[in-house]
Structures are given as structure tokens and as C-alpha cells.
């Protein structure tokens, strides 16, 4: 992406991640090179584990 500040999670991906996170015995993890605070703002999903720089 030319402007990494403009990056957003696609709505369909957001819904898929939410659905996976609701499944029992499953863990959903999003890993990124972004700062964890920035990632948390971009992927504000319950039960999703975030990993960043």
C-alpha cells in the first residue's frame, strides 16, 4: 500500500475474523510489523490476539 496510514481491514475479513474468534477451541492471531497500539486501533475485534512491533 502506498500510504500505510490509509490501511484498513476489509469488512469481509473483519467478519470472517469475528466468526473464527467465536468458535470454541480456536485462537485467532493477527501479526503485523505495526506498533501494537496502531494495530489495536485498526483491528478492534474481541477475542482476537494481536502481535506487533
PDB file of N, CA and C in Angstrom:
ATOM      1  N   UNK A   1       0.854  -1.161   0.000  1.00  0.00           N
ATOM      2  CA  UNK A   1       0.000   0.000   0.000  1.00  0.00           C
ATOM      3  C   UNK A   1       0.901   1.225   0.000  1.00  0.00           C
ATOM      4  N   UNK A   2       0.579   2.195  -0.841  1.00  0.00           N
ATOM      5  CA  UNK A   2       1.389   3.410  -0.965  1.00  0.00           C
ATOM      6  C   UNK A   2       1.409   4.216   0.330  1.00  0.00           C
ATOM      7  N   UNK A   3       0.277   4.312   0.991  1.00  0.00           N
ATOM      8  CA  UNK A   3       0.191   5.077   2.241  1.00  0.00           C
ATOM      9  C   UNK A   3      -0.238   4.134   3.357  1.00  0.00           C
ATOM     10  N   UNK A   4       0.703   3.694   4.155  1.00  0.00           N
ATOM     11  CA  UNK A   4       0.369   2.713   5.199  1.00  0.00           C
ATOM     12  C   UNK A   4      -0.560   3.276   6.262  1.00  0.00           C
ATOM     13  N   UNK A   5      -0.686   4.595   6.350  1.00  0.00           N
ATOM     14  CA  UNK A   5      -1.619   5.214   7.298  1.00  0.00           C
ATOM     15  C   UNK A   5      -3.065   5.070   6.827  1.00  0.00           C
ATOM     16  N   UNK A   6      -3.251   4.810   5.535  1.00  0.00           N
ATOM     17  CA  UNK A   6      -4.596   4.662   4.983  1.00  0.00           C
ATOM     18  C   UNK A   6      -5.089   3.211   5.037  1.00  0.00           C
ATOM     19  N   UNK A   7      -4.248   2.294   5.487  1.00  0.00           N
ATOM     20  CA  UNK A   7      -4.612   0.875   5.505  1.00  0.00           C
ATOM     21  C   UNK A   7      -5.771   0.613   6.463  1.00  0.00           C
ATOM     22  N   UNK A   8      -6.713  -0.179   6.007  1.00  0.00           N
ATOM     23  CA  UNK A   8      -7.870  -0.576   6.812  1.00  0.00           C
ATOM     24  C   UNK A   8      -8.145  -2.053   6.550  1.00  0.00           C
ATOM     25  N   UNK A   9      -8.720  -2.725   7.539  1.00  0.00           N
ATOM     26  CA  UNK A   9      -9.116  -4.118   7.346  1.00  0.00           C
ATOM     27  C   UNK A   9     -10.380  -4.150   6.486  1.00  0.00           C
ATOM     28  N   UNK A  10     -10.405  -5.034   5.521  1.00  0.00           N
ATOM     29  CA  UNK A  10     -11.559  -5.166   4.631  1.00  0.00           C
ATOM     30  C   UNK A  10     -12.752  -5.655   5.454  1.00  0.00           C
ATOM     31  N   UNK A  11     -13.941  -5.093   5.233  1.00  0.00           N
ATOM     32  CA  UNK A  11     -15.119  -5.500   6.020  1.00  0.00           C
ATOM     33  C   UNK A  11     -15.376  -7.011   5.996  1.00  0.00           C
ATOM     34  N   UNK A  12     -15.154  -7.663   4.862  1.00  0.00           N
ATOM     35  CA  UNK A  12     -15.382  -9.108   4.786  1.00  0.00           C
ATOM     36  C   UNK A  12     -14.366  -9.850   5.665  1.00  0.00           C
ATOM     37  N   UNK A  13     -13.126  -9.391   5.663  1.00  0.00           N
ATOM     38  CA  UNK A  13     -12.104 -10.002   6.521  1.00  0.00           C
ATOM     39  C   UNK A  13     -12.446  -9.803   7.988  1.00  0.00           C
ATOM     40  N   UNK A  14     -12.946  -8.623   8.333  1.00  0.00           N
ATOM     41  CA  UNK A  14     -13.346  -8.346   9.713  1.00  0.00           C
ATOM     42  C   UNK A  14     -14.409  -9.347  10.162  1.00  0.00           C
ATOM     43  N   UNK A  15     -15.409  -9.584   9.325  1.00  0.00           N
ATOM     44  CA  UNK A  15     -16.485 -10.516   9.683  1.00  0.00           C
ATOM     45  C   UNK A  15     -15.973 -11.947   9.778  1.00  0.00           C
ATOM     46  N   UNK A  16     -15.074 -12.331   8.881  1.00  0.00           N
ATOM     47  CA  UNK A  16     -14.504 -13.681   8.937  1.00  0.00           C
ATOM     48  C   UNK A  16     -13.697 -13.884  10.221  1.00  0.00           C
ATOM     49  N   UNK A  17     -12.887 -12.897  10.584  1.00  0.00           N
ATOM     50  CA  UNK A  17     -12.106 -12.997  11.818  1.00  0.00           C
ATOM     51  C   UNK A  17     -13.011 -13.072  13.038  1.00  0.00           C
ATOM     52  N   UNK A  18     -14.069 -12.275  13.049  1.00  0.00           N
ATOM     53  CA  UNK A  18     -15.022 -12.320  14.169  1.00  0.00           C
ATOM     54  C   UNK A  18     -15.637 -13.706  14.296  1.00  0.00           C
ATOM     55  N   UNK A  19     -16.050 -14.276  13.157  1.00  0.00           N
ATOM     56  CA  UNK A  19     -16.657 -15.604  13.169  1.00  0.00           C
ATOM     57  C   UNK A  19     -15.694 -16.669  13.664  1.00  0.00           C
ATOM     58  N   UNK A  20     -14.456 -16.614  13.209  1.00  0.00           N
ATOM     59  CA  UNK A  20     -13.459 -17.581  13.666  1.00  0.00           C
ATOM     60  C   UNK A  20     -13.183 -17.430  15.155  1.00  0.00           C
ATOM     61  N   UNK A  21     -13.115 -16.195  15.626  1.00  0.00           N
ATOM     62  CA  UNK A  21     -12.818 -15.943  17.039  1.00  0.00           C
ATOM     63  C   UNK A  21     -13.927 -16.448  17.952  1.00  0.00           C
ATOM     64  N   UNK A  22     -15.139 -16.534  17.442  1.00  0.00           N
ATOM     65  CA  UNK A  22     -16.273 -17.020  18.250  1.00  0.00           C
ATOM     66  C   UNK A  22     -16.287 -18.538  18.385  1.00  0.00           C
ATOM     67  N   UNK A  23     -15.542 -19.235  17.541  1.00  0.00           N
ATOM     68  CA  UNK A  23     -15.562 -20.697  17.557  1.00  0.00           C
ATOM     69  C   UNK A  23     -14.840 -21.217  18.797  1.00  0.00           C
ATOM     70  N   UNK A  24     -15.460 -22.178  19.489  1.00  0.00           N
ATOM     71  CA  UNK A  24     -14.800 -22.737  20.672  1.00  0.00           C
ATOM     72  C   UNK A  24     -13.518 -23.475  20.283  1.00  0.00           C
ATOM     73  N   UNK A  25     -12.548 -23.423  21.177  1.00  0.00           N
ATOM     74  CA  UNK A  25     -11.284 -24.148  20.999  1.00  0.00           C
ATOM     75  C   UNK A  25     -10.442 -23.617  19.835  1.00  0.00           C
ATOM     76  N   UNK A  26     -10.687 -22.396  19.403  1.00  0.00           N
ATOM     77  CA  UNK A  26      -9.890 -21.781  18.338  1.00  0.00           C
ATOM     78  C   UNK A  26      -9.301 -20.471  18.842  1.00  0.00           C
ATOM     79  N   UNK A  27      -8.133 -20.145  18.355  1.00  0.00           N
ATOM     80  CA  UNK A  27      -7.499 -18.868  18.652  1.00  0.00           C
ATOM     81  C   UNK A  27      -7.233 -18.162  17.334  1.00  0.00           C
ATOM     82  N   UNK A  28      -7.499 -16.879  17.289  1.00  0.00           N
ATOM     83  CA  UNK A  28      -7.216 -16.072  16.106  1.00  0.00           C
ATOM     84  C   UNK A  28      -6.143 -15.068  16.494  1.00  0.00           C
ATOM     85  N   UNK A  29      -5.090 -15.030  15.691  1.00  0.00           N
ATOM     86  CA  UNK A  29      -3.972 -14.130  15.952  1.00  0.00           C
ATOM     87  C   UNK A  29      -3.709 -13.303  14.705  1.00  0.00           C
ATOM     88  N   UNK A  30      -3.540 -12.006  14.891  1.00  0.00           N
ATOM     89  CA  UNK A  30      -3.154 -11.110  13.800  1.00  0.00           C
ATOM     90  C   UNK A  30      -1.756 -10.605  14.126  1.00  0.00           C
ATOM     91  N   UNK A  31      -0.796 -10.908  13.239  1.00  0.00           N
ATOM     92  CA  UNK A  31       0.582 -10.463  13.416  1.00  0.00           C
ATOM     93  C   UNK A  31       0.887  -9.372  12.409  1.00  0.00           C
ATOM     94  N   UNK A  32       1.626  -8.369  12.847  1.00  0.00           N
ATOM     95  CA  UNK A  32       1.920  -7.228  11.990  1.00  0.00           C
ATOM     96  C   UNK A  32       3.246  -6.605  12.393  1.00  0.00           C
ATOM     97  N   UNK A  33       3.826  -5.855  11.476  1.00  0.00           N
ATOM     98  CA  UNK A  33       5.036  -5.091  11.803  1.00  0.00           C
ATOM     99  C   UNK A  33       4.684  -3.722  12.384  1.00  0.00           C
ATOM    100  N   UNK A  34       3.400  -3.431  12.514  1.00  0.00           N
ATOM    101  CA  UNK A  34       2.958  -2.156  13.089  1.00  0.00           C
ATOM    102  C   UNK A  34       3.162  -2.154  14.600  1.00  0.00           C
ATOM    103  N   UNK A  35       3.199  -0.959  15.162  1.00  0.00           N
ATOM    104  CA  UNK A  35       3.199  -0.822  16.616  1.00  0.00           C
ATOM    105  C   UNK A  35       1.885  -1.417  17.135  1.00  0.00           C
ATOM    106  N   UNK A  36       1.921  -2.054  18.283  1.00  0.00           N
ATOM    107  CA  UNK A  36       0.739  -2.739  18.815  1.00  0.00           C
ATOM    108  C   UNK A  36      -0.423  -1.773  19.039  1.00  0.00           C
ATOM    109  N   UNK A  37      -0.144  -0.533  19.447  1.00  0.00           N
ATOM    110  CA  UNK A  37      -1.212   0.447  19.665  1.00  0.00           C
ATOM    111  C   UNK A  37      -1.917   0.781  18.350  1.00  0.00           C
ATOM    112  N   UNK A  38      -1.133   0.913  17.277  1.00  0.00           N
ATOM    113  CA  UNK A  38      -1.697   1.205  15.956  1.00  0.00           C
ATOM    114  C   UNK A  38      -2.529   0.018  15.474  1.00  0.00           C
ATOM    115  N   UNK A  39      -2.000  -1.182  15.657  1.00  0.00           N
ATOM    116  CA  UNK A  39      -2.711  -2.384  15.232  1.00  0.00           C
ATOM    117  C   UNK A  39      -4.032  -2.537  15.977  1.00  0.00           C
ATOM    118  N   UNK A  40      -4.033  -2.251  17.264  1.00  0.00           N
ATOM    119  CA  UNK A  40      -5.258  -2.369  18.064  1.00  0.00           C
ATOM    120  C   UNK A  40      -6.349  -1.425  17.562  1.00  0.00           C
ATOM    121  N   UNK A  41      -5.969  -0.267  17.063  1.00  0.00           N
ATOM    122  CA  UNK A  41      -6.956   0.668  16.507  1.00  0.00           C
ATOM    123  C   UNK A  41      -7.499   0.177  15.175  1.00  0.00           C
ATOM    124  N   UNK A  42      -6.675  -0.521  14.417  1.00  0.00           N
ATOM    125  CA  UNK A  42      -7.074  -0.983  13.081  1.00  0.00           C
ATOM    126  C   UNK A  42      -7.818  -2.316  13.108  1.00  0.00           C
ATOM    127  N   UNK A  43      -7.592  -3.103  14.152  1.00  0.00           N
ATOM    128  CA  UNK A  43      -8.231  -4.423  14.268  1.00  0.00           C
ATOM    129  C   UNK A  43      -8.887  -4.520  15.646  1.00  0.00           C
ATOM    130  N   UNK A  44      -9.949  -3.739  15.874  1.00  0.00           N
ATOM    131  CA  UNK A  44     -10.597  -3.733  17.198  1.00  0.00           C
ATOM    132  C   UNK A  44     -11.622  -4.862  17.331  1.00  0.00           C
ATOM    133  N   UNK A  45     -11.134  -6.080  17.395  1.00  0.00           N
ATOM    134  CA  UNK A  45     -12.033  -7.233  17.444  1.00  0.00           C
ATOM    135  C   UNK A  45     -11.879  -7.970  18.765  1.00  0.00           C
ATOM    136  N   UNK A  46     -12.999  -8.333  19.377  1.00  0.00           N
ATOM    137  CA  UNK A  46     -12.918  -9.103  20.620  1.00  0.00           C
ATOM    138  C   UNK A  46     -12.382 -10.505  20.357  1.00  0.00           C
ATOM    139  N   UNK A  47     -11.664 -11.034  21.323  1.00  0.00           N
ATOM    140  CA  UNK A  47     -11.142 -12.405  21.279  1.00  0.00           C
ATOM    141  C   UNK A  47     -10.133 -12.639  20.169  1.00  0.00           C
ATOM    142  N   UNK A  48      -9.557 -11.567  19.625  1.00  0.00           N
ATOM    143  CA  UNK A  48      -8.501 -11.690  18.621  1.00  0.00           C
ATOM    144  C   UNK A  48      -7.201 -11.226  19.267  1.00  0.00           C
ATOM    145  N   UNK A  49      -6.201 -12.084  19.215  1.00  0.00           N
ATOM    146  CA  UNK A  49      -4.902 -11.785  19.810  1.00  0.00           C
ATOM    147  C   UNK A  49      -4.077 -11.013  18.787  1.00  0.00           C
ATOM    148  N   UNK A  50      -3.480  -9.912  19.232  1.00  0.00           N
ATOM    149  CA  UNK A  50      -2.686  -9.074  18.337  1.00  0.00           C
ATOM    150  C   UNK A  50      -1.212  -9.173  18.698  1.00  0.00           C
ATOM    151  N   UNK A  51      -0.373  -9.203  17.669  1.00  0.00           N
ATOM    152  CA  UNK A  51       1.071  -9.186  17.873  1.00  0.00           C
ATOM    153  C   UNK A  51       1.682  -8.171  16.935  1.00  0.00           C
ATOM    154  N   UNK A  52       2.447  -7.253  17.491  1.00  0.00           N
ATOM    155  CA  UNK A  52       3.073  -6.214  16.675  1.00  0.00           C
ATOM    156  C   UNK A  52       4.435  -5.852  17.213  1.00  0.00           C
ATOM    157  N   UNK A  53       5.000  -4.828  16.608  1.00  0.00           N
ATOM    158  CA  UNK A  53       6.350  -4.379  16.987  1.00  0.00           C
ATOM    159  C   UNK A  53       6.318  -3.628  18.296  1.00  0.00           C
TER     160      UNK A  53
END
